[in-house]
Structure formats: structure tokens, C-alpha cells
Protein backbone atom coordinates (compact mmCIF):
# COMPACT_ATOMS: atom_id res chain seq x y z
CA MET A 1 145.60 51.62 154.85
CA LEU A 2 143.89 50.71 151.90
CA GLU A 3 141.21 52.59 152.83
CA PHE A 4 142.85 56.06 153.31
CA LEU A 5 144.86 55.94 150.50
CA LEU A 6 141.80 55.32 147.96
CA HIS A 7 140.18 58.19 150.05
CA ILE A 8 143.29 60.59 149.43
CA LEU A 9 143.64 59.62 145.56
CA ILE A 10 140.17 60.35 144.67
CA SER A 11 139.91 63.47 146.70
CA PHE A 12 142.91 64.64 144.64
CA MET A 13 141.63 63.35 141.43
CA VAL A 14 138.33 65.58 142.05
CA LEU A 15 140.41 68.23 142.87
CA GLY A 16 142.75 67.92 139.86
CA ILE A 17 139.74 67.63 137.40
CA SER A 18 137.76 70.53 138.91
CA LEU A 19 140.94 72.84 138.30
CA PHE A 20 141.53 71.75 134.75
CA PRO A 21 139.28 73.52 132.76
CA ALA A 22 140.40 76.90 134.15
CA GLN A 23 143.37 76.50 132.49
CA MET A 24 141.93 76.05 129.13
CA VAL A 25 139.30 78.70 129.66
CA LYS A 26 141.37 81.65 130.94
CA THR A 27 143.80 81.50 127.94
CA LYS A 28 141.11 82.55 125.13
CA GLY A 29 137.93 82.29 126.53
CA GLY A 30 135.92 84.97 128.68
CA GLY A 31 132.59 85.75 129.99
CA ASN A 32 130.25 82.86 131.24
CA LEU A 33 132.74 79.95 130.43
CA ALA A 34 135.46 81.52 132.35
CA ASN A 35 133.07 82.40 135.29
CA MET A 36 131.48 78.78 135.39
CA ALA A 37 134.90 77.31 135.27
CA GLY A 38 135.97 79.49 138.22
CA ILE A 39 132.95 78.47 140.06
CA SER A 40 133.37 74.81 139.33
CA GLY A 41 136.85 75.06 140.28
CA LEU A 42 136.08 76.86 143.67
CA LEU A 43 133.54 74.30 144.27
CA GLY A 44 136.00 71.43 143.74
CA ILE A 45 138.02 72.76 146.50
CA ILE A 46 135.09 73.19 148.96
CA LEU A 47 133.62 69.67 148.34
CA VAL A 48 137.35 68.18 148.72
CA GLY A 49 137.75 70.15 151.71
CA ILE A 50 134.68 68.83 153.12
CA GLY A 51 135.21 65.38 151.77
CA ILE A 52 138.63 65.17 153.37
CA PHE A 53 137.28 66.66 156.85
CA ILE A 54 134.57 64.38 157.00
CA GLY A 55 135.06 61.28 154.60
CA GLY A 56 136.82 57.81 155.23
CA ALA A 57 135.48 54.72 155.99
CA GLU A 58 137.05 51.95 158.08
CA ALA A 59 136.88 49.34 155.53
CA VAL A 60 136.96 49.29 151.64
CA HIS A 61 133.40 48.92 150.18
CA ALA A 62 132.21 48.71 146.81
CA TYR A 63 131.65 52.47 146.62
CA HIS A 64 135.36 53.25 146.95
CA TYR A 65 136.12 51.04 143.68
CA ILE A 66 133.35 52.49 141.79
CA THR A 67 134.25 56.38 142.45
CA PHE A 68 137.71 55.41 141.84
CA ILE A 69 137.24 53.78 138.56
CA ALA A 70 134.75 56.59 137.40
CA GLN A 71 137.40 59.41 138.53
CA LEU A 72 140.12 57.78 136.32
CA ILE A 73 137.78 57.24 133.23
CA ILE A 74 136.61 61.25 133.85
CA LEU A 75 140.42 61.91 134.32
CA GLY A 76 141.36 60.28 130.96
CA LEU A 77 138.56 61.83 128.97
CA SER A 78 139.70 65.30 130.58
CA LEU A 79 143.27 64.76 129.40
CA LEU A 80 141.84 63.77 125.92
CA ILE A 81 140.12 67.22 125.61
CA TYR A 82 142.89 68.85 126.91
CA ARG A 83 144.92 67.33 123.79
CA LEU A 84 142.17 68.11 121.73
CA PHE A 85 142.23 71.85 123.12
CA LYS A 86 146.28 72.19 122.43
CA LYS A 87 145.70 70.47 118.93
CA GLN A 88 142.51 72.51 117.71
CA GLY A 89 142.87 75.70 119.73
CA TYR A 90 140.16 77.43 121.57
CA SER A 91 136.62 75.98 120.63
CA LYS A 92 133.30 76.87 122.98
CA LEU A 93 132.38 72.61 122.56
CA ILE A 94 135.70 71.63 124.12
CA ASN A 95 135.15 74.11 126.71
CA ILE A 96 131.39 73.00 127.36
CA CYS A 97 132.59 69.33 127.42
CA SER A 98 135.24 69.95 129.99
CA ILE A 99 132.82 71.76 132.01
CA CYS A 100 130.30 69.07 132.06
CA LEU A 101 132.85 66.45 132.89
CA VAL A 102 133.58 68.45 135.86
CA ILE A 103 130.04 68.79 136.81
CA ILE A 104 129.83 64.66 136.66
CA SER A 105 133.19 64.56 138.51
CA GLN A 106 131.68 66.58 141.47
CA LEU A 107 128.39 64.69 141.47
CA THR A 108 130.13 61.31 141.54
CA TYR A 109 132.12 62.82 144.76
CA VAL A 110 129.31 63.53 146.39
CA TYR A 111 127.73 60.02 146.02
CA TYR A 112 130.99 58.84 147.21
CA ILE A 113 130.57 60.94 150.23
CA ILE A 114 127.25 60.25 150.83
CA ALA A 115 128.00 56.92 150.66
CA SER A 116 130.69 56.73 153.22
CA PHE A 117 127.83 57.94 155.79
CA MET A 118 125.59 55.08 154.82
CA TYR A 119 127.74 52.44 154.79
């Protein structure tokens, strides 16, 4: 039961982190950053759909905890960046940092899916 709960929590955290920059970029940004935010959101939806469909494990392993803690840290950093965005307004650096966090989150999720096959 714990492995299923961790799997669902990790999947929804990745989905939330993937859709988070689209909220910031669409307000004032345009062009390439908006396209990158949209692509990362779409890629996040696809990754989470595939991960929920084929992922999962029969027992809790260390990679569950590693991925969960990494996603929590990324989620905290994303919330901090969103707070800076609300305080400071539009900034290209803030948008680039948020998109980089999404890419790191998605790469961590890919590691999680691959590790679920290996162990």
C-alpha cells in the first residue's frame, strides 16, 4: 500500500511541477519561453501517463524515497520561484529557472520509471 501511495504522490508532484511554469509564462511572456513551457507541460502529462500506466513496484525501494525527496525539493524551489515571480513581476531569468526545474523534475521521474523496471 505504501508503494502505491508513493507512486501516486510522485506522479502528481511531477505533473504539478510540469504544469507550473505555464502559469507564469503565459501572463506576460511570449515567444520561445511560452512554447518551451507548453512543451514541458505536454511532456509532463505524457510522462506521468506512461509512468502511472507502466510504473509501480511490489515493495518500497530506496529509489522511491530518493525520487520523493528530490521532487519535494524541486516543488519547494518552484514555489519559491513563483513567489519571486509574484513579488518581482515578469523576469526572463525566473522563467528560465522554472523551466530548468521542470526539466530536472522530468529527468528524475524518468530515472524513477527506469529504476522500477530494474529492481
